[in-house]
Amino acid sequence: MNLRSIARSQKIEKLDLLRRLLSSQTRPKSGWITTVREALGMTTEQVARRANTTRAYVSNSERAERADEITFRRMQRMAEAINCDFVYFLVPRGEISKTIEAQAEKHARALLRKAGVHMSLEGQQLDNAQQEQEVRRLTQELIANPPRNFWSDPS
């Protein structure tokens, strides 16, 4: 395993851990700003004073967050005013290795389909068990040496 592979494995482990920790977390219906502000017992006026802005700006920020229209800059400003850190994540929907394996399998099946046309013309078709074995072999090969078009849909 080379350094690049080790670094990639470490990133996969980190993302899988993050996914397990955060996959069940969703933004509260009222939004994070409102939820934290109310948990702290702060009014919009108090947040506005701490952010050196107006109450309307705070209310608009809370509304914008609920509507998925808030900017990172504004979120950062509100987070600081309510003594929070603003962080964002991309949480993988599934294990990274499974996502890679599924994509490799798509390519493997597409390659086998193309090869199958030529093989059937020559009377050398594989039976179902042989095809599945070849899919598994090609999948592992594609994972180890992904082509440049790996993340394109195979045709």
Foldseek 3Di string as FASTA:
>chain_A
DDPVVVVVVVVLVVLQVVLVVPVVDDAPLQGDLVVLCVVVVHQLCQLCVLLVHHSVLSVVQSVCRNVVNHDPVSVCSSQVSSVHHDDDDDRDPHRPVVVLLVLQLQQQVLVLVVVQVVCVVVPNHDPPVVSVVSSVVSSVVCSVPPDPCSVPRRD
